[in-house]
Structures are given as structure tokens and as C-alpha cells.
PDB file of N, CA and C in Angstrom:
ATOM      1  N   MET A   1       0.948  -1.190   0.019  1.00  0.00           N
ATOM      2  CA  MET A   1       0.007  -0.043   0.061  1.00  0.00           C
ATOM      3  C   MET A   1       0.979   1.300  -0.122  1.00  0.00           C
ATOM      4  N   LYS A   2       1.919   1.339   0.729  1.00  0.00           N
ATOM      5  CA  LYS A   2       2.731   2.677   1.151  1.00  0.00           C
ATOM      6  C   LYS A   2       3.811   2.424  -0.340  1.00  0.00           C
ATOM      7  N   ARG A   3       4.127   1.338  -0.637  1.00  0.00           N
ATOM      8  CA  ARG A   3       5.363   1.213  -1.390  1.00  0.00           C
ATOM      9  C   ARG A   3       4.928   2.188  -3.025  1.00  0.00           C
ATOM     10  N   PRO A   4       3.675   2.226  -3.525  1.00  0.00           N
ATOM     11  CA  PRO A   4       3.556   3.112  -4.819  1.00  0.00           C
ATOM     12  C   PRO A   4       3.820   4.679  -4.240  1.00  0.00           C
ATOM     13  N   THR A   5       3.282   4.882  -3.116  1.00  0.00           N
ATOM     14  CA  THR A   5       3.645   6.371  -2.562  1.00  0.00           C
ATOM     15  C   THR A   5       4.951   6.610  -2.194  1.00  0.00           C
ATOM     16  N   GLU A   6       5.781   5.563  -1.787  1.00  0.00           N
ATOM     17  CA  GLU A   6       7.214   6.072  -1.617  1.00  0.00           C
ATOM     18  C   GLU A   6       7.784   6.167  -3.018  1.00  0.00           C
ATOM     19  N   ARG A   7       7.565   5.433  -3.802  1.00  0.00           N
ATOM     20  CA  ARG A   7       8.294   5.340  -5.167  1.00  0.00           C
ATOM     21  C   ARG A   7       7.704   6.769  -5.781  1.00  0.00           C
ATOM     22  N   GLY A   8       6.593   7.009  -5.783  1.00  0.00           N
ATOM     23  CA  GLY A   8       6.401   8.391  -6.175  1.00  0.00           C
ATOM     24  C   GLY A   8       7.063   9.727  -5.708  1.00  0.00           C
ATOM     25  N   ARG A   9       7.340   9.389  -4.321  1.00  0.00           N
ATOM     26  CA  ARG A   9       7.935  10.704  -3.430  1.00  0.00           C
ATOM     27  C   ARG A   9       9.448  10.619  -4.297  1.00  0.00           C
ATOM     28  N   ARG A  10       9.944   9.297  -4.300  1.00  0.00           N
ATOM     29  CA  ARG A  10      11.548   9.443  -4.716  1.00  0.00           C
ATOM     30  C   ARG A  10      11.478   9.820  -6.033  1.00  0.00           C
ATOM     31  N   ARG A  11      10.564   9.615  -6.801  1.00  0.00           N
ATOM     32  CA  ARG A  11      10.478   9.968  -8.169  1.00  0.00           C
ATOM     33  C   ARG A  11      10.559  11.515  -8.143  1.00  0.00           C
ATOM     34  N   ARG A  12       9.377  12.051  -7.356  1.00  0.00           N
ATOM     35  CA  ARG A  12       9.458  13.435  -7.174  1.00  0.00           C
ATOM     36  C   ARG A  12      10.653  14.235  -6.721  1.00  0.00           C
ATOM     37  N   ARG A  13      11.105  13.893  -5.435  1.00  0.00           N
ATOM     38  CA  ARG A  13      12.694  14.428  -5.216  1.00  0.00           C
ATOM     39  C   ARG A  13      13.790  14.178  -6.075  1.00  0.00           C
ATOM     40  N   ALA A  14      13.725  13.302  -7.256  1.00  0.00           N
ATOM     41  CA  ALA A  14      14.908  13.276  -8.254  1.00  0.00           C
ATOM     42  C   ALA A  14      14.178  14.348  -9.055  1.00  0.00           C
ATOM     43  N   GLU A  15      13.341  14.445  -9.350  1.00  0.00           N
ATOM     44  CA  GLU A  15      12.825  15.807 -10.398  1.00  0.00           C
ATOM     45  C   GLU A  15      13.218  16.919  -9.718  1.00  0.00           C
ATOM     46  N   LEU A  16      12.803  17.235  -8.538  1.00  0.00           N
ATOM     47  CA  LEU A  16      13.387  18.323  -7.883  1.00  0.00           C
ATOM     48  C   LEU A  16      14.704  18.770  -7.736  1.00  0.00           C
ATOM     49  N   ARG A  17      15.431  17.695  -7.722  1.00  0.00           N
ATOM     50  CA  ARG A  17      16.971  17.944  -7.594  1.00  0.00           C
ATOM     51  C   ARG A  17      17.299  18.308  -8.899  1.00  0.00           C
ATOM     52  N   GLU A  18      16.575  17.752  -9.965  1.00  0.00           N
ATOM     53  CA  GLU A  18      17.280  17.894 -11.192  1.00  0.00           C
ATOM     54  C   GLU A  18      16.594  19.361 -11.751  1.00  0.00           C
ATOM     55  N   ARG A  19      15.476  19.743 -11.346  1.00  0.00           N
ATOM     56  CA  ARG A  19      15.248  21.323 -11.553  1.00  0.00           C
ATOM     57  C   ARG A  19      16.239  22.406 -10.974  1.00  0.00           C
ATOM     58  N   ALA A  20      16.751  21.991  -9.597  1.00  0.00           N
ATOM     59  CA  ALA A  20      17.427  22.484  -9.004  1.00  0.00           C
ATOM     60  C   ALA A  20      18.669  22.863  -9.532  1.00  0.00           C
ATOM     61  N   ARG A  21      19.345  21.635 -10.229  1.00  0.00           N
ATOM     62  CA  ARG A  21      20.643  21.905 -10.934  1.00  0.00           C
ATOM     63  C   ARG A  21      20.332  22.725 -11.893  1.00  0.00           C
ATOM     64  N   ALA A  22      19.200  22.736 -12.982  1.00  0.00           N
ATOM     65  CA  ALA A  22      19.003  23.821 -13.997  1.00  0.00           C
ATOM     66  C   ALA A  22      18.988  24.578 -13.449  1.00  0.00           C
ATOM     67  N   ALA A  23      18.432  25.351 -12.237  1.00  0.00           N
ATOM     68  CA  ALA A  23      18.197  26.573 -11.719  1.00  0.00           C
ATOM     69  C   ALA A  23      19.388  26.832 -11.390  1.00  0.00           C
ATOM     70  N   GLN A  24      20.135  26.464 -10.588  1.00  0.00           N
ATOM     71  CA  GLN A  24      21.650  26.655 -10.353  1.00  0.00           C
ATOM     72  C   GLN A  24      22.247  27.035 -11.655  1.00  0.00           C
ATOM     73  N   ALA A  25      22.254  26.104 -12.697  1.00  0.00           N
ATOM     74  CA  ALA A  25      22.997  26.480 -13.615  1.00  0.00           C
ATOM     75  C   ALA A  25      22.561  27.746 -14.640  1.00  0.00           C
ATOM     76  N   SER A  26      21.431  28.197 -14.482  1.00  0.00           N
ATOM     77  CA  SER A  26      20.915  29.290 -15.003  1.00  0.00           C
ATOM     78  C   SER A  26      21.146  30.849 -14.014  1.00  0.00           C
ATOM     79  N   GLY A  27      21.876  30.551 -13.121  1.00  0.00           N
ATOM     80  CA  GLY A  27      22.180  31.360 -12.270  1.00  0.00           C
ATOM     81  C   GLY A  27      20.964  32.041 -10.941  1.00  0.00           C
ATOM     82  N   ASP A  28      20.197  31.253 -10.843  1.00  0.00           N
ATOM     83  CA  ASP A  28      18.976  31.386  -9.857  1.00  0.00           C
ATOM     84  C   ASP A  28      19.114  30.565  -8.852  1.00  0.00           C
ATOM     85  N   ALA A  29      20.075  30.821  -7.920  1.00  0.00           N
ATOM     86  CA  ALA A  29      20.247  30.489  -6.870  1.00  0.00           C
ATOM     87  C   ALA A  29      19.324  30.344  -5.751  1.00  0.00           C
ATOM     88  N   ALA A  30      18.381  31.498  -5.559  1.00  0.00           N
ATOM     89  CA  ALA A  30      17.327  31.231  -4.821  1.00  0.00           C
ATOM     90  C   ALA A  30      16.338  29.984  -4.935  1.00  0.00           C
ATOM     91  N   ARG A  31      16.066  29.947  -6.385  1.00  0.00           N
ATOM     92  CA  ARG A  31      15.024  28.987  -6.964  1.00  0.00           C
ATOM     93  C   ARG A  31      15.808  27.465  -6.630  1.00  0.00           C
ATOM     94  N   ALA A  32      17.053  27.461  -6.808  1.00  0.00           N
ATOM     95  CA  ALA A  32      17.562  26.151  -6.553  1.00  0.00           C
ATOM     96  C   ALA A  32      17.462  25.830  -5.335  1.00  0.00           C
ATOM     97  N   ALA A  33      17.781  26.715  -4.173  1.00  0.00           N
ATOM     98  CA  ALA A  33      17.734  26.455  -2.861  1.00  0.00           C
ATOM     99  C   ALA A  33      16.398  26.005  -2.464  1.00  0.00           C
ATOM    100  N   GLU A  34      15.223  26.574  -3.118  1.00  0.00           N
ATOM    101  CA  GLU A  34      14.109  26.312  -2.781  1.00  0.00           C
ATOM    102  C   GLU A  34      13.602  24.937  -2.980  1.00  0.00           C
ATOM    103  N   LEU A  35      13.965  24.514  -4.476  1.00  0.00           N
ATOM    104  CA  LEU A  35      13.730  23.160  -5.003  1.00  0.00           C
ATOM    105  C   LEU A  35      14.565  22.130  -4.141  1.00  0.00           C
ATOM    106  N   LEU A  36      15.638  22.515  -3.805  1.00  0.00           N
ATOM    107  CA  LEU A  36      16.557  21.389  -2.828  1.00  0.00           C
ATOM    108  C   LEU A  36      15.631  21.211  -1.566  1.00  0.00           C
ATOM    109  N   GLN A  37      15.522  22.350  -0.893  1.00  0.00           N
ATOM    110  CA  GLN A  37      14.650  22.065   0.405  1.00  0.00           C
ATOM    111  C   GLN A  37      13.312  21.059   0.073  1.00  0.00           C
ATOM    112  N   GLN A  38      12.978  21.423  -1.256  1.00  0.00           N
ATOM    113  CA  GLN A  38      11.511  20.464  -1.393  1.00  0.00           C
ATOM    114  C   GLN A  38      12.188  18.898  -1.573  1.00  0.00           C
ATOM    115  N   SER A  39      13.184  18.832  -2.039  1.00  0.00           N
ATOM    116  CA  SER A  39      13.802  17.356  -2.351  1.00  0.00           C
ATOM    117  C   SER A  39      14.373  16.633  -1.234  1.00  0.00           C
ATOM    118  N   VAL A  40      14.524  17.217  -0.132  1.00  0.00           N
ATOM    119  CA  VAL A  40      14.881  16.494   0.933  1.00  0.00           C
ATOM    120  C   VAL A  40      13.982  15.186   1.331  1.00  0.00           C
ATOM    121  N   ASP A  41      14.712  14.253   1.607  1.00  0.00           N
ATOM    122  CA  ASP A  41      14.100  12.981   2.121  1.00  0.00           C
ATOM    123  C   ASP A  41      14.740  12.706   3.857  1.00  0.00           C
ATOM    124  N   VAL A  42      13.913  12.614   4.268  1.00  0.00           N
ATOM    125  CA  VAL A  42      13.926  12.441   5.993  1.00  0.00           C
ATOM    126  C   VAL A  42      13.961  11.300   6.280  1.00  0.00           C
ATOM    127  N   THR A  43      15.245  10.839   6.697  1.00  0.00           N
ATOM    128  CA  THR A  43      15.475   9.427   6.898  1.00  0.00           C
ATOM    129  C   THR A  43      14.974   9.020   8.363  1.00  0.00           C
ATOM    130  N   PRO A  44      14.971   7.649   8.670  1.00  0.00           N
ATOM    131  CA  PRO A  44      14.660   7.208   9.960  1.00  0.00           C
ATOM    132  C   PRO A  44      15.729   7.692  10.779  1.00  0.00           C
ATOM    133  N   ARG A  45      17.060   7.772  10.448  1.00  0.00           N
ATOM    134  CA  ARG A  45      17.923   8.454  11.551  1.00  0.00           C
ATOM    135  C   ARG A  45      17.653   9.710  11.859  1.00  0.00           C
ATOM    136  N   MET A  46      17.326  10.577  10.664  1.00  0.00           N
ATOM    137  CA  MET A  46      17.376  11.760  10.978  1.00  0.00           C
ATOM    138  C   MET A  46      15.987  12.169  12.015  1.00  0.00           C
ATOM    139  N   ALA A  47      14.924  11.287  11.854  1.00  0.00           N
ATOM    140  CA  ALA A  47      13.830  11.466  12.689  1.00  0.00           C
ATOM    141  C   ALA A  47      14.227  11.226  13.885  1.00  0.00           C
ATOM    142  N   HIS A  48      14.993  10.044  14.106  1.00  0.00           N
ATOM    143  CA  HIS A  48      15.313   9.454  15.365  1.00  0.00           C
ATOM    144  C   HIS A  48      16.439  10.740  16.255  1.00  0.00           C
ATOM    145  N   GLU A  49      17.137  11.335  15.444  1.00  0.00           N
ATOM    146  CA  GLU A  49      18.106  12.364  16.034  1.00  0.00           C
ATOM    147  C   GLU A  49      16.961  13.694  16.444  1.00  0.00           C
ATOM    148  N   LEU A  50      16.114  13.867  15.435  1.00  0.00           N
ATOM    149  CA  LEU A  50      15.374  14.934  16.174  1.00  0.00           C
ATOM    150  C   LEU A  50      14.399  14.918  17.347  1.00  0.00           C
ATOM    151  N   ILE A  51      14.069  13.414  17.273  1.00  0.00           N
ATOM    152  CA  ILE A  51      13.134  12.962  18.506  1.00  0.00           C
ATOM    153  C   ILE A  51      14.172  13.202  19.750  1.00  0.00           C
ATOM    154  N   ALA A  52      15.119  12.610  19.621  1.00  0.00           N
ATOM    155  CA  ALA A  52      16.119  12.622  20.844  1.00  0.00           C
ATOM    156  C   ALA A  52      16.343  14.076  21.277  1.00  0.00           C
ATOM    157  N   ARG A  53      16.764  15.099  20.348  1.00  0.00           N
ATOM    158  CA  ARG A  53      16.877  16.245  20.835  1.00  0.00           C
ATOM    159  C   ARG A  53      15.784  17.176  21.282  1.00  0.00           C
ATOM    160  N   LEU A  54      14.398  16.768  20.663  1.00  0.00           N
ATOM    161  CA  LEU A  54      13.458  17.217  21.386  1.00  0.00           C
ATOM    162  C   LEU A  54      13.096  16.809  22.777  1.00  0.00           C
ATOM    163  N   ARG A  55      13.407  15.323  22.867  1.00  0.00           N
ATOM    164  CA  ARG A  55      13.085  15.208  24.251  1.00  0.00           C
ATOM    165  C   ARG A  55      14.109  15.761  25.329  1.00  0.00           C
ATOM    166  N   ALA A  56      15.268  15.743  24.644  1.00  0.00           N
ATOM    167  CA  ALA A  56      16.500  16.507  25.593  1.00  0.00           C
ATOM    168  C   ALA A  56      16.038  17.894  25.954  1.00  0.00           C
ATOM    169  N   LEU A  57      15.589  18.457  25.232  1.00  0.00           N
ATOM    170  CA  LEU A  57      15.021  19.981  25.652  1.00  0.00           C
ATOM    171  C   LEU A  57      13.553  19.916  26.094  1.00  0.00           C
ATOM    172  N   GLN A  58      13.161  18.695  26.485  1.00  0.00           N
ATOM    173  CA  GLN A  58      11.856  18.735  26.817  1.00  0.00           C
ATOM    174  C   GLN A  58      10.676  19.384  26.221  1.00  0.00           C
ATOM    175  N   VAL A  59      10.855  19.245  24.720  1.00  0.00           N
ATOM    176  CA  VAL A  59       9.769  19.900  23.886  1.00  0.00           C
ATOM    177  C   VAL A  59       8.744  18.696  23.555  1.00  0.00           C
ATOM    178  N   GLU A  60       7.348  19.250  23.898  1.00  0.00           N
ATOM    179  CA  GLU A  60       6.439  18.361  23.372  1.00  0.00           C
ATOM    180  C   GLU A  60       6.417  17.968  22.226  1.00  0.00           C
ATOM    181  N   PHE A  61       5.967  16.446  21.681  1.00  0.00           N
ATOM    182  CA  PHE A  61       5.642  16.549  20.154  1.00  0.00           C
ATOM    183  C   PHE A  61       4.930  15.174  20.005  1.00  0.00           C
ATOM    184  N   VAL A  62       4.373  14.928  18.988  1.00  0.00           N
ATOM    185  CA  VAL A  62       3.693  14.169  18.406  1.00  0.00           C
ATOM    186  C   VAL A  62       4.315  13.339  17.224  1.00  0.00           C
ATOM    187  N   VAL A  63       4.346  12.022  17.397  1.00  0.00           N
ATOM    188  CA  VAL A  63       4.771  11.430  15.963  1.00  0.00           C
ATOM    189  C   VAL A  63       3.650  10.421  15.462  1.00  0.00           C
ATOM    190  N   ALA A  64       3.187  10.827  14.217  1.00  0.00           N
ATOM    191  CA  ALA A  64       1.948  10.079  13.529  1.00  0.00           C
ATOM    192  C   ALA A  64       2.687   8.857  13.081  1.00  0.00           C
ATOM    193  N   PRO A  65       1.988   7.768  13.263  1.00  0.00           N
ATOM    194  CA  PRO A  65       2.713   6.613  12.646  1.00  0.00           C
ATOM    195  C   PRO A  65       2.169   6.424  11.266  1.00  0.00           C
ATOM    196  N   TYR A  66       1.411   7.437  10.872  1.00  0.00           N
ATOM    197  CA  TYR A  66       0.403   7.010   9.436  1.00  0.00           C
ATOM    198  C   TYR A  66       0.442   8.419   8.693  1.00  0.00           C
ATOM    199  N   GLU A  67      -0.661   8.495   7.983  1.00  0.00           N
ATOM    200  CA  GLU A  67      -1.202   9.602   7.405  1.00  0.00           C
ATOM    201  C   GLU A  67      -1.619  10.537   8.906  1.00  0.00           C
ATOM    202  N   ALA A  68      -1.326  11.706   8.787  1.00  0.00           N
ATOM    203  CA  ALA A  68      -1.669  12.725   9.945  1.00  0.00           C
ATOM    204  C   ALA A  68      -2.368  13.899   9.587  1.00  0.00           C
ATOM    205  N   ASP A  69      -2.632  14.427   8.222  1.00  0.00           N
ATOM    206  CA  ASP A  69      -3.146  15.412   7.664  1.00  0.00           C
ATOM    207  C   ASP A  69      -4.146  15.858   8.812  1.00  0.00           C
ATOM    208  N   ALA A  70      -5.218  15.320   8.915  1.00  0.00           N
ATOM    209  CA  ALA A  70      -6.408  15.333   9.696  1.00  0.00           C
ATOM    210  C   ALA A  70      -6.091  15.689  11.182  1.00  0.00           C
ATOM    211  N   GLN A  71      -5.024  14.837  11.883  1.00  0.00           N
ATOM    212  CA  GLN A  71      -4.640  15.299  13.133  1.00  0.00           C
ATOM    213  C   GLN A  71      -3.921  16.472  13.379  1.00  0.00           C
ATOM    214  N   LEU A  72      -3.159  16.795  12.072  1.00  0.00           N
ATOM    215  CA  LEU A  72      -2.427  18.201  12.058  1.00  0.00           C
ATOM    216  C   LEU A  72      -3.294  19.324  12.287  1.00  0.00           C
ATOM    217  N   ALA A  73      -4.284  19.225  11.296  1.00  0.00           N
ATOM    218  CA  ALA A  73      -5.198  20.343  11.135  1.00  0.00           C
ATOM    219  C   ALA A  73      -5.982  20.510  12.563  1.00  0.00           C
ATOM    220  N   ALA A  74      -6.503  19.604  12.914  1.00  0.00           N
ATOM    221  CA  ALA A  74      -6.995  19.573  14.187  1.00  0.00           C
ATOM    222  C   ALA A  74      -6.509  20.071  15.231  1.00  0.00           C
ATOM    223  N   LEU A  75      -4.993  19.839  15.340  1.00  0.00           N
ATOM    224  CA  LEU A  75      -4.374  20.563  16.527  1.00  0.00           C
ATOM    225  C   LEU A  75      -3.947  22.027  16.239  1.00  0.00           C
ATOM    226  N   GLU A  76      -3.847  22.257  14.939  1.00  0.00           N
ATOM    227  CA  GLU A  76      -3.508  23.679  14.572  1.00  0.00           C
ATOM    228  C   GLU A  76      -4.938  24.626  14.980  1.00  0.00           C
ATOM    229  N   ARG A  77      -6.144  24.157  14.529  1.00  0.00           N
ATOM    230  CA  ARG A  77      -7.204  24.685  14.650  1.00  0.00           C
ATOM    231  C   ARG A  77      -7.294  24.825  16.338  1.00  0.00           C
ATOM    232  N   ALA A  78      -7.144  23.759  17.014  1.00  0.00           N
ATOM    233  CA  ALA A  78      -7.458  23.643  18.497  1.00  0.00           C
ATOM    234  C   ALA A  78      -6.250  24.749  19.314  1.00  0.00           C
ATOM    235  N   GLY A  79      -5.297  25.259  18.434  1.00  0.00           N
ATOM    236  CA  GLY A  79      -4.432  25.999  18.998  1.00  0.00           C
ATOM    237  C   GLY A  79      -3.494  25.365  19.925  1.00  0.00           C
ATOM    238  N   ARG A  80      -3.182  24.200  19.845  1.00  0.00           N
ATOM    239  CA  ARG A  80      -2.532  23.197  20.396  1.00  0.00           C
ATOM    240  C   ARG A  80      -0.845  22.901  19.988  1.00  0.00           C
ATOM    241  N   VAL A  81      -0.794  23.511  18.814  1.00  0.00           N
ATOM    242  CA  VAL A  81       0.538  23.376  18.346  1.00  0.00           C
ATOM    243  C   VAL A  81       1.319  24.819  17.777  1.00  0.00           C
ATOM    244  N   ASP A  82       2.429  24.795  18.132  1.00  0.00           N
ATOM    245  CA  ASP A  82       3.204  25.963  17.609  1.00  0.00           C
ATOM    246  C   ASP A  82       3.867  25.990  16.142  1.00  0.00           C
ATOM    247  N   ALA A  83       4.045  24.734  15.659  1.00  0.00           N
ATOM    248  CA  ALA A  83       4.508  24.453  14.557  1.00  0.00           C
ATOM    249  C   ALA A  83       4.397  23.096  14.128  1.00  0.00           C
ATOM    250  N   VAL A  84       4.409  22.954  12.847  1.00  0.00           N
ATOM    251  CA  VAL A  84       3.993  21.427  12.171  1.00  0.00           C
ATOM    252  C   VAL A  84       4.936  21.376  11.398  1.00  0.00           C
ATOM    253  N   LEU A  85       5.795  19.995  11.543  1.00  0.00           N
ATOM    254  CA  LEU A  85       7.116  19.599  10.789  1.00  0.00           C
ATOM    255  C   LEU A  85       6.465  18.397   9.973  1.00  0.00           C
ATOM    256  N   THR A  86       6.525  18.482   8.827  1.00  0.00           N
ATOM    257  CA  THR A  86       6.359  17.184   7.607  1.00  0.00           C
ATOM    258  C   THR A  86       6.930  17.348   6.659  1.00  0.00           C
ATOM    259  N   GLU A  87       7.370  16.029   5.853  1.00  0.00           N
ATOM    260  CA  GLU A  87       7.870  15.872   4.931  1.00  0.00           C
ATOM    261  C   GLU A  87       6.948  15.327   3.698  1.00  0.00           C
ATOM    262  N   ASP A  88       5.568  15.535   3.951  1.00  0.00           N
ATOM    263  CA  ASP A  88       4.586  15.337   3.170  1.00  0.00           C
ATOM    264  C   ASP A  88       4.359  16.400   2.223  1.00  0.00           C
ATOM    265  N   SER A  89       4.591  16.413   1.125  1.00  0.00           N
ATOM    266  CA  SER A  89       4.513  17.347  -0.150  1.00  0.00           C
ATOM    267  C   SER A  89       3.130  17.837  -0.508  1.00  0.00           C
ATOM    268  N   ASP A  90       2.255  16.789   0.026  1.00  0.00           N
ATOM    269  CA  ASP A  90       0.620  17.373  -0.400  1.00  0.00           C
ATOM    270  C   ASP A  90       0.087  17.953   0.676  1.00  0.00           C
ATOM    271  N   LEU A  91       0.731  18.675   1.552  1.00  0.00           N
ATOM    272  CA  LEU A  91      -0.159  19.304   2.505  1.00  0.00           C
ATOM    273  C   LEU A  91       0.373  20.968   2.073  1.00  0.00           C
TER     274      LEU A  91
END
């Protein structure tokens, strides 16, 4: 079920990196940086390190095991969050 989604995300990230290279080659560094930011793949190790740092700083956080779009929206509407961090490109 998740495999096609992950393949699509990998393909999109590769396309974004290619567009970033083209933007950089044409001298548009700002656009290249924007595209590269969109192409980042958050690895499990990166997520683990972030969670460890948040815990060390005693920052409250929620890790959604699956799709969290509705949960994120509800938390934001209720004023329960100061920030939302996601690698989901469809939000």
C-alpha cells in the first residue's frame, strides 16, 4: 500500500533535484535552494535524532505513525501546536 507512494516521492525528489541543478546552472540560486529544500528525504535516522533532541530539550511533540493530515489540522485549529514539521509534499 505505501510502496507506490514511496516510489512516487522518490521520483518527485529526483525531479526536484534535477530542476534545482538547472536553476543553479542558469544562475537562479534562490530557486535552486527552494527546490533542494523540497527534495529532502527525511530518513529514519534523521527523525530519531530530532526526537532525541526534542526530548533532551523537553519539547512536547507527537509522532504520527501513518497519515496525519487531519490530526495536524485539528491540532492547529485547536491552538495546540506552535509548529508542524512534515515531509509530506501534498500539504
